[in-house]
């Protein structure tokens, strides 16, 4: 079963990568861009047939390894 884990910096945490992307977009002539936040998406193929158990396993993986929960939040979606 495919599971997507989206990890983003928490609100209020500096995001230098997002700031650099926003600056580059402005330099390319794109206007009206507000704050830019950059994160990551991790796609997992879990050998589980029950969607709830797959989501629970991915959430545990995110808490233990995939996200730094002090400065990042995460969202888990079963695809």
C-alpha atoms as a PDB file:
ATOM      1  CA  UNK A   1       0.000   0.000   0.000  1.00  0.00           C
ATOM      2  CA  UNK A   2       1.370   3.428  -0.940  1.00  0.00           C
ATOM      3  CA  UNK A   3       1.528   6.036   1.796  1.00  0.00           C
ATOM      4  CA  UNK A   4       2.625   9.656   1.389  1.00  0.00           C
ATOM      5  CA  UNK A   5       4.242  11.524   4.273  1.00  0.00           C
ATOM      6  CA  UNK A   6       4.421  15.295   3.782  1.00  0.00           C
ATOM      7  CA  UNK A   7       6.851  17.083   6.105  1.00  0.00           C
ATOM      8  CA  UNK A   8       6.810  20.886   6.432  1.00  0.00           C
ATOM      9  CA  UNK A   9       8.501  23.399   8.733  1.00  0.00           C
ATOM     10  CA  UNK A  10       6.202  24.486  11.552  1.00  0.00           C
ATOM     11  CA  UNK A  11       4.751  28.000  11.495  1.00  0.00           C
ATOM     12  CA  UNK A  12       7.226  30.455  12.952  1.00  0.00           C
ATOM     13  CA  UNK A  13      10.274  28.331  12.110  1.00  0.00           C
ATOM     14  CA  UNK A  14      12.687  29.997   9.707  1.00  0.00           C
ATOM     15  CA  UNK A  15      12.674  28.396   6.253  1.00  0.00           C
ATOM     16  CA  UNK A  16      15.783  29.540   4.354  1.00  0.00           C
ATOM     17  CA  UNK A  17      15.054  27.199   1.430  1.00  0.00           C
ATOM     18  CA  UNK A  18      11.534  28.612   1.058  1.00  0.00           C
ATOM     19  CA  UNK A  19      12.924  32.160   1.281  1.00  0.00           C
ATOM     20  CA  UNK A  20      15.496  31.392  -1.453  1.00  0.00           C
ATOM     21  CA  UNK A  21      12.780  29.927  -3.700  1.00  0.00           C
ATOM     22  CA  UNK A  22      10.589  32.996  -3.181  1.00  0.00           C
ATOM     23  CA  UNK A  23      13.506  35.296  -3.977  1.00  0.00           C
ATOM     24  CA  UNK A  24      14.370  33.313  -7.132  1.00  0.00           C
ATOM     25  CA  UNK A  25      10.748  33.411  -8.324  1.00  0.00           C
ATOM     26  CA  UNK A  26      10.687  37.189  -7.858  1.00  0.00           C
ATOM     27  CA  UNK A  27      13.970  37.419  -9.792  1.00  0.00           C
ATOM     28  CA  UNK A  28      12.337  35.506 -12.649  1.00  0.00           C
ATOM     29  CA  UNK A  29       9.565  38.082 -12.818  1.00  0.00           C
ATOM     30  CA  UNK A  30       6.807  36.223 -10.972  1.00  0.00           C
ATOM     31  CA  UNK A  31       4.746  38.740  -9.015  1.00  0.00           C
ATOM     32  CA  UNK A  32       2.309  38.458  -6.164  1.00  0.00           C
ATOM     33  CA  UNK A  33       4.119  35.626  -4.413  1.00  0.00           C
ATOM     34  CA  UNK A  34       3.703  35.733  -0.639  1.00  0.00           C
ATOM     35  CA  UNK A  35       5.529  33.544   1.821  1.00  0.00           C
ATOM     36  CA  UNK A  36       7.065  30.369   0.352  1.00  0.00           C
ATOM     37  CA  UNK A  37       7.562  27.291   2.527  1.00  0.00           C
ATOM     38  CA  UNK A  38       9.573  24.295   1.315  1.00  0.00           C
ATOM     39  CA  UNK A  39       9.135  20.777   2.641  1.00  0.00           C
ATOM     40  CA  UNK A  40       9.477  17.217   1.465  1.00  0.00           C
ATOM     41  CA  UNK A  41       7.230  14.356   0.417  1.00  0.00           C
ATOM     42  CA  UNK A  42       8.250  10.805   1.236  1.00  0.00           C
ATOM     43  CA  UNK A  43       6.483   7.989  -0.625  1.00  0.00           C
ATOM     44  CA  UNK A  44       6.425   4.663   1.195  1.00  0.00           C
ATOM     45  CA  UNK A  45       5.323   1.306  -0.158  1.00  0.00           C
ATOM     46  CA  UNK A  46       4.158  -0.540   2.966  1.00  0.00           C
ATOM     47  CA  UNK A  47       3.365  -4.261   2.927  1.00  0.00           C
ATOM     48  CA  UNK A  48       0.022  -3.779   4.641  1.00  0.00           C
ATOM     49  CA  UNK A  49      -3.504  -4.340   3.345  1.00  0.00           C
ATOM     50  CA  UNK A  50      -5.359  -2.400   6.051  1.00  0.00           C
ATOM     51  CA  UNK A  51      -5.317   1.357   5.349  1.00  0.00           C
ATOM     52  CA  UNK A  52      -5.659   2.336   9.020  1.00  0.00           C
ATOM     53  CA  UNK A  53      -2.705   0.172  10.050  1.00  0.00           C
ATOM     54  CA  UNK A  54      -0.604   1.468   7.131  1.00  0.00           C
ATOM     55  CA  UNK A  55      -1.365   5.059   8.180  1.00  0.00           C
ATOM     56  CA  UNK A  56      -0.565   4.293  11.811  1.00  0.00           C
ATOM     57  CA  UNK A  57       2.776   2.700  10.827  1.00  0.00           C
ATOM     58  CA  UNK A  58       3.698   5.692   8.630  1.00  0.00           C
ATOM     59  CA  UNK A  59       2.820   8.110  11.446  1.00  0.00           C
ATOM     60  CA  UNK A  60       5.137   6.205  13.781  1.00  0.00           C
ATOM     61  CA  UNK A  61       7.902   6.287  11.140  1.00  0.00           C
ATOM     62  CA  UNK A  62       7.417  10.039  10.745  1.00  0.00           C
ATOM     63  CA  UNK A  63       7.597  10.655  14.509  1.00  0.00           C
ATOM     64  CA  UNK A  64      10.699   8.472  14.928  1.00  0.00           C
ATOM     65  CA  UNK A  65      12.706   9.328  11.789  1.00  0.00           C
ATOM     66  CA  UNK A  66      11.117  11.180   8.887  1.00  0.00           C
ATOM     67  CA  UNK A  67      10.261  14.441  10.659  1.00  0.00           C
ATOM     68  CA  UNK A  68      12.005  16.465  13.337  1.00  0.00           C
ATOM     69  CA  UNK A  69       8.832  17.072  15.345  1.00  0.00           C
ATOM     70  CA  UNK A  70      10.427  19.953  17.256  1.00  0.00           C
ATOM     71  CA  UNK A  71      10.542  22.135  14.132  1.00  0.00           C
ATOM     72  CA  UNK A  72       8.493  20.189  11.544  1.00  0.00           C
ATOM     73  CA  UNK A  73       4.932  18.979  11.226  1.00  0.00           C
ATOM     74  CA  UNK A  74       3.839  16.064   9.086  1.00  0.00           C
ATOM     75  CA  UNK A  75       0.738  14.754   7.347  1.00  0.00           C
ATOM     76  CA  UNK A  76       0.158  11.136   6.322  1.00  0.00           C
ATOM     77  CA  UNK A  77      -2.077  10.132   3.400  1.00  0.00           C
ATOM     78  CA  UNK A  78      -2.851   6.620   2.209  1.00  0.00           C
ATOM     79  CA  UNK A  79      -2.782   6.662  -1.598  1.00  0.00           C
END
